[in-house]
Amino acid sequence: MQIFLKYMETRMLKDEKDNRNINITDILSTSNILNLHNINHKKQLFTKIADICSKNINIPKSRFLSALLDKEGEENSGIGRGVAIPNIKIDEINNMFGIFIKLNKSISFNSIDNEPVDIIFTLISTKNHHPTHLNILAFLSRLFANKKNLKNLRASLDKETIYAILTTEL
C-alpha cells in the first residue's frame, strides 16, 4: 500500500492544478452508496457492481462485468486495510461515476496486505478522462489511508453519514 500511496502522491504533485477541480460530489450520489449483505467472494461482488452500473447506464451488465474482471486480472484493486478501489474505463459512457459499497462481512480479495476487504469504492470513467481518473484514485487513496475515516465509514449505518465522510475535503 505504501508504494501505491507514494506513487499516487507523486501523481498528485504533478497534477496539483487539476486536483483543485476534483469534487467527489460530481461522481457520487447517495443512491450509489450501498450496504451489502450476503456477498461471499470477489466475483459475486463484481457481478453486483456490474448490475448497479447497468442500471445507471443503459449498457449490458456483461460489458461492465468483463471490464471489471479483466482489469482485476491485470492489477489487483485491493489497496490494504480492508479497502479495494476497482476502477475501469468504458468508452460507451459520457460521465464518470462512483459506487461506494460497505460489506457486512469481509471477503478475500488478494489485497496487497492479504487482509480481507469490506470497503469498496468503484470508479467508472471514460477513456478520455485519464488525468481526472488518476486524480480521483489519488484522492480516494488518501481518504482511505486515514484510519479515522475508515473507522467512521465502518461505524456508519446510513448513506448520508457515509456520503459526508466521503465528500469531506482532506
Protein backbone atom coordinates (compact mmCIF):
# COMPACT_ATOMS: atom_id res chain seq x y z
CA MET A 1 0.00 0.00 0.00
CA GLN A 2 2.86 2.36 0.82
CA ILE A 3 4.31 2.09 -2.71
CA PHE A 4 0.89 2.73 -4.24
CA LEU A 5 0.28 5.73 -1.97
CA LYS A 6 3.72 7.15 -2.75
CA TYR A 7 3.05 6.79 -6.49
CA MET A 8 -0.33 8.48 -6.13
CA GLU A 9 1.18 11.33 -4.07
CA THR A 10 3.73 11.89 -6.83
CA ARG A 11 0.93 11.99 -9.41
CA MET A 12 -0.93 14.44 -7.18
CA LEU A 13 2.03 16.82 -7.09
CA LYS A 14 2.37 16.71 -10.86
CA ASP A 15 -1.32 17.39 -11.35
CA GLU A 16 -1.82 19.78 -8.43
CA LYS A 17 -3.66 22.34 -10.54
CA ASP A 18 -6.15 19.71 -11.75
CA ASN A 19 -6.68 18.37 -8.24
CA ARG A 20 -8.25 21.63 -7.10
CA ASN A 21 -11.05 20.92 -9.57
CA ILE A 22 -11.79 17.41 -8.27
CA ASN A 23 -15.08 17.18 -6.48
CA ILE A 24 -16.20 13.74 -5.44
CA THR A 25 -19.77 15.04 -5.29
CA ASP A 26 -19.70 15.20 -9.09
CA ILE A 27 -19.31 11.42 -9.36
CA LEU A 28 -21.03 10.04 -6.26
CA SER A 29 -24.64 10.26 -5.13
CA THR A 30 -26.27 8.76 -2.06
CA SER A 31 -28.16 6.38 -4.35
CA ASN A 32 -24.79 4.78 -5.20
CA ILE A 33 -23.87 4.16 -1.57
CA LEU A 34 -24.75 0.62 -0.56
CA ASN A 35 -24.52 -1.66 2.46
CA LEU A 36 -24.47 -5.18 1.05
CA HIS A 37 -25.14 -8.46 2.78
CA ASN A 38 -24.51 -11.99 1.55
CA ILE A 39 -21.54 -11.18 -0.68
CA ASN A 40 -19.17 -14.13 -0.30
CA HIS A 41 -16.44 -13.59 -2.90
CA LYS A 42 -14.95 -11.13 -5.35
CA LYS A 43 -16.74 -12.36 -8.47
CA GLN A 44 -20.11 -12.10 -6.70
CA LEU A 45 -19.20 -8.54 -5.65
CA PHE A 46 -18.18 -7.61 -9.21
CA THR A 47 -21.42 -9.10 -10.54
CA LYS A 48 -23.37 -6.88 -8.15
CA ILE A 49 -21.31 -3.82 -9.17
CA ALA A 50 -21.92 -4.63 -12.86
CA ASP A 51 -25.64 -4.89 -12.14
CA ILE A 52 -25.64 -1.47 -10.47
CA CYS A 53 -23.67 0.03 -13.39
CA SER A 54 -26.04 -1.37 -16.00
CA LYS A 55 -29.00 0.08 -14.10
CA ASN A 56 -27.32 3.52 -14.03
CA ILE A 57 -26.36 3.41 -17.70
CA ASN A 58 -28.07 1.53 -20.48
CA ILE A 59 -25.12 -0.76 -21.21
CA PRO A 60 -25.29 -4.53 -20.72
CA LYS A 61 -24.24 -5.87 -17.34
CA SER A 62 -21.87 -8.27 -19.10
CA ARG A 63 -19.84 -5.34 -20.51
CA PHE A 64 -19.18 -3.95 -17.04
CA LEU A 65 -18.52 -7.36 -15.52
CA SER A 66 -15.98 -8.33 -18.17
CA ALA A 67 -14.23 -4.94 -17.82
CA LEU A 68 -14.05 -5.31 -14.03
CA LEU A 69 -12.76 -8.88 -14.19
CA ASP A 70 -10.23 -8.08 -16.95
CA LYS A 71 -8.87 -5.07 -15.04
CA GLU A 72 -8.71 -7.04 -11.80
CA GLY A 73 -6.78 -9.76 -13.63
CA GLU A 74 -4.22 -7.16 -14.72
CA GLU A 75 -3.84 -5.49 -11.34
CA ASN A 76 -5.46 -6.20 -8.02
CA SER A 77 -7.55 -3.33 -6.68
CA GLY A 78 -7.18 -4.28 -3.01
CA ILE A 79 -5.07 -1.45 -1.58
CA GLY A 80 -4.90 -2.71 2.00
CA ARG A 81 -6.62 -2.05 5.34
CA GLY A 82 -9.75 -3.81 4.10
CA VAL A 83 -10.22 -1.43 1.15
CA ALA A 84 -10.47 -2.02 -2.59
CA ILE A 85 -10.78 0.56 -5.36
CA PRO A 86 -11.77 -1.28 -8.53
CA ASN A 87 -11.70 1.13 -11.44
CA ILE A 88 -12.41 0.79 -15.12
CA LYS A 89 -12.69 2.95 -18.19
CA ILE A 90 -15.60 2.37 -20.56
CA ASP A 91 -15.86 4.13 -23.92
CA GLU A 92 -19.64 3.88 -24.04
CA ILE A 93 -20.30 6.22 -21.09
CA ASN A 94 -20.36 10.01 -21.07
CA ASN A 95 -19.73 10.84 -17.41
CA MET A 96 -17.66 9.42 -14.59
CA PHE A 97 -19.44 7.93 -11.63
CA GLY A 98 -18.62 6.14 -8.41
CA ILE A 99 -20.19 3.42 -6.32
CA PHE A 100 -19.39 3.01 -2.63
CA ILE A 101 -20.08 -0.36 -1.03
CA LYS A 102 -19.73 -1.42 2.57
CA LEU A 103 -19.97 -5.17 3.10
CA ASN A 104 -21.47 -6.63 6.28
CA LYS A 105 -18.64 -9.20 6.28
CA SER A 106 -15.20 -9.02 4.73
CA ILE A 107 -14.30 -11.12 1.71
CA SER A 108 -11.00 -12.47 0.47
CA PHE A 109 -9.60 -10.12 -2.15
CA ASN A 110 -5.89 -10.91 -2.54
CA SER A 111 -5.09 -7.41 -1.32
CA ILE A 112 -1.51 -6.27 -1.07
CA ASP A 113 -1.59 -6.77 2.72
CA ASN A 114 -3.56 -10.07 2.40
CA GLU A 115 -6.36 -8.60 4.55
CA PRO A 116 -9.98 -9.28 3.56
CA VAL A 117 -11.98 -6.37 2.12
CA ASP A 118 -15.17 -4.75 3.42
CA ILE A 119 -14.91 -1.22 1.95
CA ILE A 120 -15.13 -0.83 -1.84
CA PHE A 121 -15.20 2.29 -3.97
CA THR A 122 -15.66 1.57 -7.67
CA LEU A 123 -14.73 4.31 -10.13
CA ILE A 124 -16.14 4.13 -13.66
CA SER A 125 -14.91 6.65 -16.22
CA THR A 126 -14.45 7.21 -19.91
CA LYS A 127 -11.09 6.65 -21.53
CA ASN A 128 -10.69 10.38 -22.24
CA HIS A 129 -10.86 11.25 -18.51
CA HIS A 130 -7.42 9.75 -17.78
CA PRO A 131 -5.92 12.62 -15.70
CA THR A 132 -9.12 13.11 -13.73
CA HIS A 133 -9.45 9.35 -13.25
CA LEU A 134 -5.94 9.20 -11.73
CA ASN A 135 -6.56 12.26 -9.57
CA ILE A 136 -9.73 10.76 -8.12
CA LEU A 137 -7.90 7.50 -7.43
CA ALA A 138 -5.25 9.51 -5.58
CA PHE A 139 -7.91 11.35 -3.58
CA LEU A 140 -9.59 8.05 -2.66
CA SER A 141 -6.24 6.50 -1.69
CA ARG A 142 -5.55 9.37 0.70
CA LEU A 143 -9.09 9.23 2.07
CA PHE A 144 -8.85 5.51 2.79
CA ALA A 145 -5.30 5.76 4.17
CA ASN A 146 -6.74 7.82 7.03
CA LYS A 147 -7.51 5.42 9.91
CA LYS A 148 -10.13 7.77 11.36
CA ASN A 149 -12.02 7.88 8.03
CA LEU A 150 -12.02 4.08 7.79
CA LYS A 151 -13.20 3.73 11.39
CA ASN A 152 -16.01 6.23 10.77
CA LEU A 153 -17.05 4.58 7.49
CA ARG A 154 -17.20 1.16 9.12
CA ALA A 155 -19.24 2.52 12.04
CA SER A 156 -21.68 4.46 9.85
CA LEU A 157 -25.08 2.95 9.25
CA ASP A 158 -26.73 5.49 6.99
CA LYS A 159 -25.95 6.75 3.49
CA GLU A 160 -25.92 10.42 4.47
CA THR A 161 -23.16 9.94 7.05
CA ILE A 162 -21.10 7.85 4.64
CA TYR A 163 -21.60 10.49 1.93
CA ALA A 164 -20.46 13.23 4.32
CA ILE A 165 -17.28 11.29 5.17
CA LEU A 166 -16.50 10.57 1.51
CA THR A 167 -17.10 14.12 0.33
CA THR A 168 -15.22 15.96 3.07
CA GLU A 169 -12.13 17.68 1.71
CA LEU A 170 -8.87 16.27 3.05
